[in-house]
Amino acid sequence: MCLAICGEIKNLDLPFAVVNIKGVETCVNVQLIEEPLMGDYVLIHAGFAIEKIDKDYFDYLDNIFEEMLKEDDEL
């Protein structure tokens, strides 16, 4: 199973970007997406931004991850 996580581009230094993922900033490669911009929301897999997403979808996915983390803490 593969998993992509969502994040927001905070800084660009092509071909890389600093992306905020759940409050943690990490460097990802953005060569696979067209015209990356600061503030864009992206799906990230294996260190690569693989797709731009809109804010509504970002919020939806972020809520899913929050629920997963809560359930993990409860175990």
PDB file of N, CA and C in Angstrom:
ATOM      1  N   MET A   1       0.840  -1.177   0.000  1.00  0.00           N
ATOM      2  CA  MET A   1       0.000   0.000   0.000  1.00  0.00           C
ATOM      3  C   MET A   1       0.884   1.238   0.000  1.00  0.00           C
ATOM      4  N   CYS A   2       0.538   2.207  -0.810  1.00  0.00           N
ATOM      5  CA  CYS A   2       1.247   3.478  -0.856  1.00  0.00           C
ATOM      6  C   CYS A   2       0.424   4.530  -0.134  1.00  0.00           C
ATOM      7  N   LEU A   3       1.100   5.488   0.436  1.00  0.00           N
ATOM      8  CA  LEU A   3       0.420   6.548   1.161  1.00  0.00           C
ATOM      9  C   LEU A   3       1.016   7.885   0.745  1.00  0.00           C
ATOM     10  N   ALA A   4       0.156   8.822   0.408  1.00  0.00           N
ATOM     11  CA  ALA A   4       0.584  10.189   0.133  1.00  0.00           C
ATOM     12  C   ALA A   4       0.008  11.054   1.239  1.00  0.00           C
ATOM     13  N   ILE A   5       0.753  12.049   1.649  1.00  0.00           N
ATOM     14  CA  ILE A   5       0.302  12.966   2.692  1.00  0.00           C
ATOM     15  C   ILE A   5       0.236  14.362   2.101  1.00  0.00           C
ATOM     16  N   CYS A   6      -0.631  15.185   2.646  1.00  0.00           N
ATOM     17  CA  CYS A   6      -0.803  16.533   2.095  1.00  0.00           C
ATOM     18  C   CYS A   6       0.021  17.542   2.887  1.00  0.00           C
ATOM     19  N   GLY A   7       0.428  18.594   2.189  1.00  0.00           N
ATOM     20  CA  GLY A   7       1.189  19.662   2.818  1.00  0.00           C
ATOM     21  C   GLY A   7       1.049  20.948   2.025  1.00  0.00           C
ATOM     22  N   GLU A   8       1.549  22.021   2.608  1.00  0.00           N
ATOM     23  CA  GLU A   8       1.492  23.342   1.976  1.00  0.00           C
ATOM     24  C   GLU A   8       2.904  23.837   1.681  1.00  0.00           C
ATOM     25  N   ILE A   9       3.115  24.287   0.457  1.00  0.00           N
ATOM     26  CA  ILE A   9       4.417  24.828   0.069  1.00  0.00           C
ATOM     27  C   ILE A   9       4.638  26.158   0.777  1.00  0.00           C
ATOM     28  N   LYS A  10       5.752  26.237   1.516  1.00  0.00           N
ATOM     29  CA  LYS A  10       6.085  27.448   2.265  1.00  0.00           C
ATOM     30  C   LYS A  10       7.213  28.249   1.622  1.00  0.00           C
ATOM     31  N   ASN A  11       8.089  27.569   0.893  1.00  0.00           N
ATOM     32  CA  ASN A  11       9.229  28.239   0.284  1.00  0.00           C
ATOM     33  C   ASN A  11       9.676  27.426  -0.921  1.00  0.00           C
ATOM     34  N   LEU A  12      10.128  28.110  -1.952  1.00  0.00           N
ATOM     35  CA  LEU A  12      10.589  27.437  -3.172  1.00  0.00           C
ATOM     36  C   LEU A  12      12.053  27.750  -3.454  1.00  0.00           C
ATOM     37  N   ASP A  13      12.785  26.728  -3.820  1.00  0.00           N
ATOM     38  CA  ASP A  13      14.147  26.837  -4.327  1.00  0.00           C
ATOM     39  C   ASP A  13      14.276  25.708  -5.340  1.00  0.00           C
ATOM     40  N   LEU A  14      13.644  25.924  -6.507  1.00  0.00           N
ATOM     41  CA  LEU A  14      13.483  24.874  -7.507  1.00  0.00           C
ATOM     42  C   LEU A  14      14.785  24.143  -7.784  1.00  0.00           C
ATOM     43  N   PRO A  15      14.724  22.827  -7.864  1.00  0.00           N
ATOM     44  CA  PRO A  15      13.549  21.970  -8.001  1.00  0.00           C
ATOM     45  C   PRO A  15      12.962  21.494  -6.668  1.00  0.00           C
ATOM     46  N   PHE A  16      13.316  22.148  -5.565  1.00  0.00           N
ATOM     47  CA  PHE A  16      12.841  21.737  -4.255  1.00  0.00           C
ATOM     48  C   PHE A  16      11.935  22.799  -3.637  1.00  0.00           C
ATOM     49  N   ALA A  17      11.177  22.360  -2.634  1.00  0.00           N
ATOM     50  CA  ALA A  17      10.324  23.271  -1.878  1.00  0.00           C
ATOM     51  C   ALA A  17      10.326  22.833  -0.421  1.00  0.00           C
ATOM     52  N   VAL A  18      10.207  23.809   0.460  1.00  0.00           N
ATOM     53  CA  VAL A  18       9.962  23.516   1.865  1.00  0.00           C
ATOM     54  C   VAL A  18       8.456  23.416   2.017  1.00  0.00           C
ATOM     55  N   VAL A  19       7.993  22.289   2.552  1.00  0.00           N
ATOM     56  CA  VAL A  19       6.563  22.029   2.680  1.00  0.00           C
ATOM     57  C   VAL A  19       6.227  21.780   4.142  1.00  0.00           C
ATOM     58  N   ASN A  20       5.139  22.393   4.599  1.00  0.00           N
ATOM     59  CA  ASN A  20       4.658  22.187   5.959  1.00  0.00           C
ATOM     60  C   ASN A  20       3.700  21.004   5.956  1.00  0.00           C
ATOM     61  N   ILE A  21       4.067  19.973   6.712  1.00  0.00           N
ATOM     62  CA  ILE A  21       3.239  18.776   6.847  1.00  0.00           C
ATOM     63  C   ILE A  21       2.925  18.610   8.329  1.00  0.00           C
ATOM     64  N   LYS A  22       1.683  18.909   8.710  1.00  0.00           N
ATOM     65  CA  LYS A  22       1.247  18.757  10.099  1.00  0.00           C
ATOM     66  C   LYS A  22       2.170  19.493  11.071  1.00  0.00           C
ATOM     67  N   GLY A  23       2.634  20.685  10.676  1.00  0.00           N
ATOM     68  CA  GLY A  23       3.474  21.498  11.547  1.00  0.00           C
ATOM     69  C   GLY A  23       4.962  21.221  11.438  1.00  0.00           C
ATOM     70  N   VAL A  24       5.337  20.245  10.631  1.00  0.00           N
ATOM     71  CA  VAL A  24       6.748  19.913  10.428  1.00  0.00           C
ATOM     72  C   VAL A  24       7.140  20.343   9.020  1.00  0.00           C
ATOM     73  N   GLU A  25       8.214  21.123   8.926  1.00  0.00           N
ATOM     74  CA  GLU A  25       8.671  21.561   7.610  1.00  0.00           C
ATOM     75  C   GLU A  25       9.726  20.590   7.084  1.00  0.00           C
ATOM     76  N   THR A  26       9.551  20.190   5.832  1.00  0.00           N
ATOM     77  CA  THR A  26      10.476  19.252   5.196  1.00  0.00           C
ATOM     78  C   THR A  26      10.705  19.662   3.749  1.00  0.00           C
ATOM     79  N   CYS A  27      11.800  19.214   3.202  1.00  0.00           N
ATOM     80  CA  CYS A  27      12.152  19.545   1.823  1.00  0.00           C
ATOM     81  C   CYS A  27      11.664  18.430   0.901  1.00  0.00           C
ATOM     82  N   VAL A  28      10.941  18.811  -0.153  1.00  0.00           N
ATOM     83  CA  VAL A  28      10.460  17.836  -1.131  1.00  0.00           C
ATOM     84  C   VAL A  28      10.798  18.308  -2.540  1.00  0.00           C
ATOM     85  N   ASN A  29      10.893  17.362  -3.439  1.00  0.00           N
ATOM     86  CA  ASN A  29      11.131  17.662  -4.843  1.00  0.00           C
ATOM     87  C   ASN A  29       9.788  18.003  -5.501  1.00  0.00           C
ATOM     88  N   VAL A  30       9.732  19.106  -6.242  1.00  0.00           N
ATOM     89  CA  VAL A  30       8.482  19.550  -6.865  1.00  0.00           C
ATOM     90  C   VAL A  30       8.525  19.485  -8.391  1.00  0.00           C
ATOM     91  N   GLN A  31       9.480  18.755  -8.952  1.00  0.00           N
ATOM     92  CA  GLN A  31       9.609  18.672 -10.405  1.00  0.00           C
ATOM     93  C   GLN A  31       8.434  17.995 -11.088  1.00  0.00           C
ATOM     94  N   LEU A  32       7.668  17.199 -10.367  1.00  0.00           N
ATOM     95  CA  LEU A  32       6.575  16.455 -10.991  1.00  0.00           C
ATOM     96  C   LEU A  32       5.282  17.257 -11.108  1.00  0.00           C
ATOM     97  N   ILE A  33       5.236  18.438 -10.498  1.00  0.00           N
ATOM     98  CA  ILE A  33       4.017  19.240 -10.599  1.00  0.00           C
ATOM     99  C   ILE A  33       4.284  20.484 -11.442  1.00  0.00           C
ATOM    100  N   GLU A  34       3.241  20.949 -12.098  1.00  0.00           N
ATOM    101  CA  GLU A  34       3.352  22.083 -13.005  1.00  0.00           C
ATOM    102  C   GLU A  34       3.229  23.398 -12.244  1.00  0.00           C
ATOM    103  N   GLU A  35       4.185  24.278 -12.438  1.00  0.00           N
ATOM    104  CA  GLU A  35       4.193  25.622 -11.864  1.00  0.00           C
ATOM    105  C   GLU A  35       3.896  25.662 -10.367  1.00  0.00           C
ATOM    106  N   PRO A  36       4.767  25.051  -9.552  1.00  0.00           N
ATOM    107  CA  PRO A  36       4.545  25.118  -8.111  1.00  0.00           C
ATOM    108  C   PRO A  36       4.707  26.553  -7.601  1.00  0.00           C
ATOM    109  N   LEU A  37       3.850  26.946  -6.672  1.00  0.00           N
ATOM    110  CA  LEU A  37       3.883  28.283  -6.099  1.00  0.00           C
ATOM    111  C   LEU A  37       3.798  28.195  -4.581  1.00  0.00           C
ATOM    112  N   MET A  38       4.376  29.176  -3.890  1.00  0.00           N
ATOM    113  CA  MET A  38       4.221  29.232  -2.447  1.00  0.00           C
ATOM    114  C   MET A  38       2.731  29.336  -2.124  1.00  0.00           C
ATOM    115  N   GLY A  39       2.296  28.577  -1.126  1.00  0.00           N
ATOM    116  CA  GLY A  39       0.898  28.552  -0.745  1.00  0.00           C
ATOM    117  C   GLY A  39       0.100  27.442  -1.390  1.00  0.00           C
ATOM    118  N   ASP A  40       0.667  26.788  -2.419  1.00  0.00           N
ATOM    119  CA  ASP A  40      -0.021  25.650  -3.048  1.00  0.00           C
ATOM    120  C   ASP A  40      -0.091  24.487  -2.064  1.00  0.00           C
ATOM    121  N   TYR A  41      -1.179  23.733  -2.165  1.00  0.00           N
ATOM    122  CA  TYR A  41      -1.325  22.494  -1.408  1.00  0.00           C
ATOM    123  C   TYR A  41      -0.995  21.345  -2.342  1.00  0.00           C
ATOM    124  N   VAL A  42      -0.214  20.390  -1.819  1.00  0.00           N
ATOM    125  CA  VAL A  42       0.253  19.286  -2.652  1.00  0.00           C
ATOM    126  C   VAL A  42       0.136  17.963  -1.910  1.00  0.00           C
ATOM    127  N   LEU A  43       0.040  16.888  -2.695  1.00  0.00           N
ATOM    128  CA  LEU A  43       0.167  15.538  -2.160  1.00  0.00           C
ATOM    129  C   LEU A  43       1.620  15.126  -2.313  1.00  0.00           C
ATOM    130  N   ILE A  44       2.160  14.498  -1.280  1.00  0.00           N
ATOM    131  CA  ILE A  44       3.575  14.143  -1.253  1.00  0.00           C
ATOM    132  C   ILE A  44       3.707  12.639  -1.032  1.00  0.00           C
ATOM    133  N   HIS A  45       4.556  12.030  -1.852  1.00  0.00           N
ATOM    134  CA  HIS A  45       4.859  10.606  -1.709  1.00  0.00           C
ATOM    135  C   HIS A  45       6.340  10.398  -1.964  1.00  0.00           C
ATOM    136  N   ALA A  46       7.005   9.737  -1.046  1.00  0.00           N
ATOM    137  CA  ALA A  46       8.423   9.361  -1.193  1.00  0.00           C
ATOM    138  C   ALA A  46       9.318  10.566  -1.498  1.00  0.00           C
ATOM    139  N   GLY A  47       9.012  11.708  -0.878  1.00  0.00           N
ATOM    140  CA  GLY A  47       9.853  12.884  -1.049  1.00  0.00           C
ATOM    141  C   GLY A  47       9.557  13.722  -2.273  1.00  0.00           C
ATOM    142  N   PHE A  48       8.496  13.381  -3.008  1.00  0.00           N
ATOM    143  CA  PHE A  48       8.110  14.109  -4.210  1.00  0.00           C
ATOM    144  C   PHE A  48       6.687  14.641  -4.075  1.00  0.00           C
ATOM    145  N   ALA A  49       6.487  15.904  -4.450  1.00  0.00           N
ATOM    146  CA  ALA A  49       5.129  16.424  -4.606  1.00  0.00           C
ATOM    147  C   ALA A  49       4.595  15.830  -5.898  1.00  0.00           C
ATOM    148  N   ILE A  50       3.474  15.109  -5.810  1.00  0.00           N
ATOM    149  CA  ILE A  50       2.989  14.385  -6.983  1.00  0.00           C
ATOM    150  C   ILE A  50       1.739  15.000  -7.598  1.00  0.00           C
ATOM    151  N   GLU A  51       1.070  15.894  -6.857  1.00  0.00           N
ATOM    152  CA  GLU A  51      -0.152  16.497  -7.394  1.00  0.00           C
ATOM    153  C   GLU A  51      -0.527  17.720  -6.570  1.00  0.00           C
ATOM    154  N   LYS A  52      -0.995  18.778  -7.250  1.00  0.00           N
ATOM    155  CA  LYS A  52      -1.575  19.919  -6.556  1.00  0.00           C
ATOM    156  C   LYS A  52      -3.010  19.571  -6.172  1.00  0.00           C
ATOM    157  N   ILE A  53      -3.447  20.065  -5.018  1.00  0.00           N
ATOM    158  CA  ILE A  53      -4.826  19.861  -4.590  1.00  0.00           C
ATOM    159  C   ILE A  53      -5.392  21.196  -4.121  1.00  0.00           C
ATOM    160  N   ASP A  54      -6.724  21.296  -4.083  1.00  0.00           N
ATOM    161  CA  ASP A  54      -7.316  22.545  -3.620  1.00  0.00           C
ATOM    162  C   ASP A  54      -7.470  22.526  -2.096  1.00  0.00           C
ATOM    163  N   LYS A  55      -7.788  23.682  -1.530  1.00  0.00           N
ATOM    164  CA  LYS A  55      -7.877  23.850  -0.073  1.00  0.00           C
ATOM    165  C   LYS A  55      -8.933  22.934   0.538  1.00  0.00           C
ATOM    166  N   ASP A  56     -10.077  22.775  -0.114  1.00  0.00           N
ATOM    167  CA  ASP A  56     -11.133  21.911   0.428  1.00  0.00           C
ATOM    168  C   ASP A  56     -10.662  20.462   0.543  1.00  0.00           C
ATOM    169  N   TYR A  57      -9.990  19.970  -0.485  1.00  0.00           N
ATOM    170  CA  TYR A  57      -9.496  18.596  -0.450  1.00  0.00           C
ATOM    171  C   TYR A  57      -8.376  18.457   0.586  1.00  0.00           C
ATOM    172  N   PHE A  58      -7.524  19.483   0.691  1.00  0.00           N
ATOM    173  CA  PHE A  58      -6.481  19.489   1.715  1.00  0.00           C
ATOM    174  C   PHE A  58      -7.111  19.358   3.095  1.00  0.00           C
ATOM    175  N   ASP A  59      -8.128  20.172   3.387  1.00  0.00           N
ATOM    176  CA  ASP A  59      -8.793  20.128   4.690  1.00  0.00           C
ATOM    177  C   ASP A  59      -9.418  18.757   4.947  1.00  0.00           C
ATOM    178  N   TYR A  60     -10.045  18.195   3.915  1.00  0.00           N
ATOM    179  CA  TYR A  60     -10.654  16.866   4.028  1.00  0.00           C
ATOM    180  C   TYR A  60      -9.600  15.821   4.398  1.00  0.00           C
ATOM    181  N   LEU A  61      -8.492  15.800   3.667  1.00  0.00           N
ATOM    182  CA  LEU A  61      -7.437  14.824   3.944  1.00  0.00           C
ATOM    183  C   LEU A  61      -6.791  15.065   5.301  1.00  0.00           C
ATOM    184  N   ASP A  62      -6.600  16.328   5.652  1.00  0.00           N
ATOM    185  CA  ASP A  62      -6.002  16.667   6.943  1.00  0.00           C
ATOM    186  C   ASP A  62      -6.874  16.144   8.084  1.00  0.00           C
ATOM    187  N   ASN A  63      -8.182  16.258   7.947  1.00  0.00           N
ATOM    188  CA  ASN A  63      -9.094  15.742   8.969  1.00  0.00           C
ATOM    189  C   ASN A  63      -9.001  14.228   9.079  1.00  0.00           C
ATOM    190  N   ILE A  64      -8.872  13.542   7.953  1.00  0.00           N
ATOM    191  CA  ILE A  64      -8.712  12.087   7.981  1.00  0.00           C
ATOM    192  C   ILE A  64      -7.454  11.705   8.748  1.00  0.00           C
ATOM    193  N   PHE A  65      -6.342  12.384   8.455  1.00  0.00           N
ATOM    194  CA  PHE A  65      -5.096  12.083   9.160  1.00  0.00           C
ATOM    195  C   PHE A  65      -5.214  12.382  10.650  1.00  0.00           C
ATOM    196  N   GLU A  66      -5.898  13.458  11.022  1.00  0.00           N
ATOM    197  CA  GLU A  66      -6.117  13.780  12.433  1.00  0.00           C
ATOM    198  C   GLU A  66      -6.873  12.647  13.125  1.00  0.00           C
ATOM    199  N   GLU A  67      -7.909  12.135  12.483  1.00  0.00           N
ATOM    200  CA  GLU A  67      -8.686  11.024  13.044  1.00  0.00           C
ATOM    201  C   GLU A  67      -7.817   9.780  13.196  1.00  0.00           C
ATOM    202  N   MET A  68      -6.976   9.509  12.214  1.00  0.00           N
ATOM    203  CA  MET A  68      -6.087   8.354  12.291  1.00  0.00           C
ATOM    204  C   MET A  68      -5.118   8.503  13.461  1.00  0.00           C
ATOM    205  N   LEU A  69      -4.588   9.691  13.653  1.00  0.00           N
ATOM    206  CA  LEU A  69      -3.658   9.923  14.759  1.00  0.00           C
ATOM    207  C   LEU A  69      -4.358   9.789  16.102  1.00  0.00           C
ATOM    208  N   LYS A  70      -5.588  10.284  16.202  1.00  0.00           N
ATOM    209  CA  LYS A  70      -6.354  10.153  17.455  1.00  0.00           C
ATOM    210  C   LYS A  70      -6.603   8.691  17.782  1.00  0.00           C
ATOM    211  N   GLU A  71      -7.004   7.914  16.796  1.00  0.00           N
ATOM    212  CA  GLU A  71      -7.268   6.492  17.021  1.00  0.00           C
ATOM    213  C   GLU A  71      -5.992   5.763  17.423  1.00  0.00           C
ATOM    214  N   ASP A  72      -4.868   6.127  16.847  1.00  0.00           N
ATOM    215  CA  ASP A  72      -3.594   5.500  17.187  1.00  0.00           C
ATOM    216  C   ASP A  72      -3.233   5.822  18.624  1.00  0.00           C
ATOM    217  N   ASP A  73      -3.452   7.064  19.065  1.00  0.00           N
ATOM    218  CA  ASP A  73      -3.152   7.451  20.445  1.00  0.00           C
ATOM    219  C   ASP A  73      -4.041   6.707  21.436  1.00  0.00           C
ATOM    220  N   GLU A  74      -5.270   6.409  21.043  1.00  0.00           N
ATOM    221  CA  GLU A  74      -6.206   5.723  21.931  1.00  0.00           C
ATOM    222  C   GLU A  74      -5.859   4.255  22.116  1.00  0.00           C
ATOM    223  N   LEU A  75      -5.122   3.689  21.184  1.00  0.00           N
ATOM    224  CA  LEU A  75      -4.737   2.278  21.305  1.00  0.00           C
ATOM    225  C   LEU A  75      -3.616   2.180  22.294  1.00  0.00           C
TER     226      LEU A  75
END
